[in-house]
Amino acid sequence: MDERVAVIGIIVTNRDSVEALNALLHEYADHIIGRMGIPYRQRKINIISLAVDAPQNVISALTGRIGKLAGVRVKTAYAGADSDAA
């Protein structure tokens, strides 16, 4: 299956879900290119951005599992089909 490059945006509003989220990210670590986390203390949320390179079904499985966590929102943006051309 073809690998896809994507950016996954995650907003965490429930601190109780952080441990489960980190466990999921560890499980998919082989597909994560990079990760940036920003604690936004004024709003009591955490913003996480992931860059991933994985098959479509793996990205969908990861985001689906993240989306099931309480107080966690997730959205994904994919690179275009021509992202291999350079």
C-alpha atoms as a PDB file:
ATOM      1  CA  MET A   1       0.000   0.000   0.000  1.00  0.00           C
ATOM      2  CA  ASP A   2       1.247   3.498  -0.804  1.00  0.00           C
ATOM      3  CA  GLU A   3       2.627   5.632   1.973  1.00  0.00           C
ATOM      4  CA  ARG A   4       1.013   9.020   2.562  1.00  0.00           C
ATOM      5  CA  VAL A   5       2.446  12.119   4.182  1.00  0.00           C
ATOM      6  CA  ALA A   6       0.083  13.954   6.488  1.00  0.00           C
ATOM      7  CA  VAL A   7      -0.100  16.454   9.310  1.00  0.00           C
ATOM      8  CA  ILE A   8      -2.311  15.493  12.247  1.00  0.00           C
ATOM      9  CA  GLY A   9      -3.537  18.307  14.484  1.00  0.00           C
ATOM     10  CA  ILE A  10      -4.606  17.350  18.007  1.00  0.00           C
ATOM     11  CA  ILE A  11      -6.195  19.508  20.709  1.00  0.00           C
ATOM     12  CA  VAL A  12      -6.377  18.073  24.214  1.00  0.00           C
ATOM     13  CA  THR A  13      -8.823  19.620  26.664  1.00  0.00           C
ATOM     14  CA  ASN A  14      -8.950  16.707  29.128  1.00  0.00           C
ATOM     15  CA  ARG A  15      -5.636  16.173  30.918  1.00  0.00           C
ATOM     16  CA  ASP A  16      -6.817  12.720  32.001  1.00  0.00           C
ATOM     17  CA  SER A  17      -6.433  11.563  28.373  1.00  0.00           C
ATOM     18  CA  VAL A  18      -2.777  12.600  28.025  1.00  0.00           C
ATOM     19  CA  GLU A  19      -1.336   9.280  29.216  1.00  0.00           C
ATOM     20  CA  ALA A  20      -3.524   7.272  26.805  1.00  0.00           C
ATOM     21  CA  LEU A  21      -2.658   9.665  23.955  1.00  0.00           C
ATOM     22  CA  ASN A  22       1.071   9.329  24.613  1.00  0.00           C
ATOM     23  CA  ALA A  23       0.712   5.535  24.667  1.00  0.00           C
ATOM     24  CA  LEU A  24      -0.982   5.647  21.244  1.00  0.00           C
ATOM     25  CA  LEU A  25       1.700   7.904  19.817  1.00  0.00           C
ATOM     26  CA  HIS A  26       4.376   5.549  21.140  1.00  0.00           C
ATOM     27  CA  GLU A  27       2.582   2.628  19.469  1.00  0.00           C
ATOM     28  CA  TYR A  28       2.713   4.443  16.100  1.00  0.00           C
ATOM     29  CA  ALA A  29       6.205   5.932  16.616  1.00  0.00           C
ATOM     30  CA  ASP A  30       7.656   4.225  13.523  1.00  0.00           C
ATOM     31  CA  HIS A  31       5.344   6.330  11.335  1.00  0.00           C
ATOM     32  CA  ILE A  32       5.847   9.678  13.080  1.00  0.00           C
ATOM     33  CA  ILE A  33       8.322  11.984  11.328  1.00  0.00           C
ATOM     34  CA  GLY A  34       8.101  14.726  13.931  1.00  0.00           C
ATOM     35  CA  ARG A  35       6.020  16.016  16.800  1.00  0.00           C
ATOM     36  CA  MET A  36       5.491  19.463  18.276  1.00  0.00           C
ATOM     37  CA  GLY A  37       3.540  20.036  21.469  1.00  0.00           C
ATOM     38  CA  ILE A  38       2.449  23.411  22.801  1.00  0.00           C
ATOM     39  CA  PRO A  39       0.887  23.770  26.249  1.00  0.00           C
ATOM     40  CA  TYR A  40      -1.535  26.711  26.061  1.00  0.00           C
ATOM     41  CA  ARG A  41      -1.865  27.398  29.767  1.00  0.00           C
ATOM     42  CA  GLN A  42      -4.201  30.397  29.479  1.00  0.00           C
ATOM     43  CA  ARG A  43      -6.844  28.165  27.869  1.00  0.00           C
ATOM     44  CA  LYS A  44      -5.867  25.001  29.771  1.00  0.00           C
ATOM     45  CA  ILE A  45      -5.381  23.012  26.562  1.00  0.00           C
ATOM     46  CA  ASN A  46      -2.502  21.289  24.795  1.00  0.00           C
ATOM     47  CA  ILE A  47      -1.948  21.589  21.055  1.00  0.00           C
ATOM     48  CA  ILE A  48      -0.015  18.824  19.309  1.00  0.00           C
ATOM     49  CA  SER A  49       1.058  18.675  15.689  1.00  0.00           C
ATOM     50  CA  LEU A  50       2.299  15.405  14.182  1.00  0.00           C
ATOM     51  CA  ALA A  51       3.960  14.884  10.830  1.00  0.00           C
ATOM     52  CA  VAL A  52       3.481  11.290   9.679  1.00  0.00           C
ATOM     53  CA  ASP A  53       4.472   9.086   6.752  1.00  0.00           C
ATOM     54  CA  ALA A  54       2.365   5.922   6.691  1.00  0.00           C
ATOM     55  CA  PRO A  55      -0.167   3.942   4.683  1.00  0.00           C
ATOM     56  CA  GLN A  56      -3.630   5.526   4.557  1.00  0.00           C
ATOM     57  CA  ASN A  57      -5.154   2.789   6.712  1.00  0.00           C
ATOM     58  CA  VAL A  58      -2.530   3.296   9.440  1.00  0.00           C
ATOM     59  CA  ILE A  59      -3.144   7.061   9.534  1.00  0.00           C
ATOM     60  CA  SER A  60      -6.898   6.468   9.672  1.00  0.00           C
ATOM     61  CA  ALA A  61      -6.511   3.912  12.461  1.00  0.00           C
ATOM     62  CA  LEU A  62      -4.337   6.278  14.498  1.00  0.00           C
ATOM     63  CA  THR A  63      -6.638   9.277  14.099  1.00  0.00           C
ATOM     64  CA  GLY A  64      -9.705   7.137  14.796  1.00  0.00           C
ATOM     65  CA  ARG A  65      -8.225   5.880  18.034  1.00  0.00           C
ATOM     66  CA  ILE A  66      -7.130   9.390  19.041  1.00  0.00           C
ATOM     67  CA  GLY A  67     -10.610  10.724  18.311  1.00  0.00           C
ATOM     68  CA  LYS A  68     -12.155   8.221  20.730  1.00  0.00           C
ATOM     69  CA  LEU A  69     -10.235   9.667  23.682  1.00  0.00           C
ATOM     70  CA  ALA A  70     -12.282  11.862  26.001  1.00  0.00           C
ATOM     71  CA  GLY A  71     -11.595  15.567  25.532  1.00  0.00           C
ATOM     72  CA  VAL A  72      -9.389  15.100  22.466  1.00  0.00           C
ATOM     73  CA  ARG A  73     -10.100  16.523  18.994  1.00  0.00           C
ATOM     74  CA  VAL A  74      -8.160  15.467  15.909  1.00  0.00           C
ATOM     75  CA  LYS A  75      -8.002  16.568  12.254  1.00  0.00           C
ATOM     76  CA  THR A  76      -5.765  15.396   9.418  1.00  0.00           C
ATOM     77  CA  ALA A  77      -4.422  17.151   6.319  1.00  0.00           C
ATOM     78  CA  TYR A  78      -2.778  15.067   3.591  1.00  0.00           C
ATOM     79  CA  ALA A  79      -0.044  16.033   1.141  1.00  0.00           C
ATOM     80  CA  GLY A  80      -1.148  15.992  -2.484  1.00  0.00           C
ATOM     81  CA  ALA A  81      -0.787  12.883  -4.615  1.00  0.00           C
ATOM     82  CA  ASP A  82       2.138  14.490  -6.427  1.00  0.00           C
ATOM     83  CA  SER A  83       4.172  14.940  -3.218  1.00  0.00           C
ATOM     84  CA  ASP A  84       6.694  12.329  -4.445  1.00  0.00           C
ATOM     85  CA  ALA A  85       7.698  14.534  -7.382  1.00  0.00           C
ATOM     86  CA  ALA A  86      10.570  16.853  -6.598  1.00  0.00           C
END
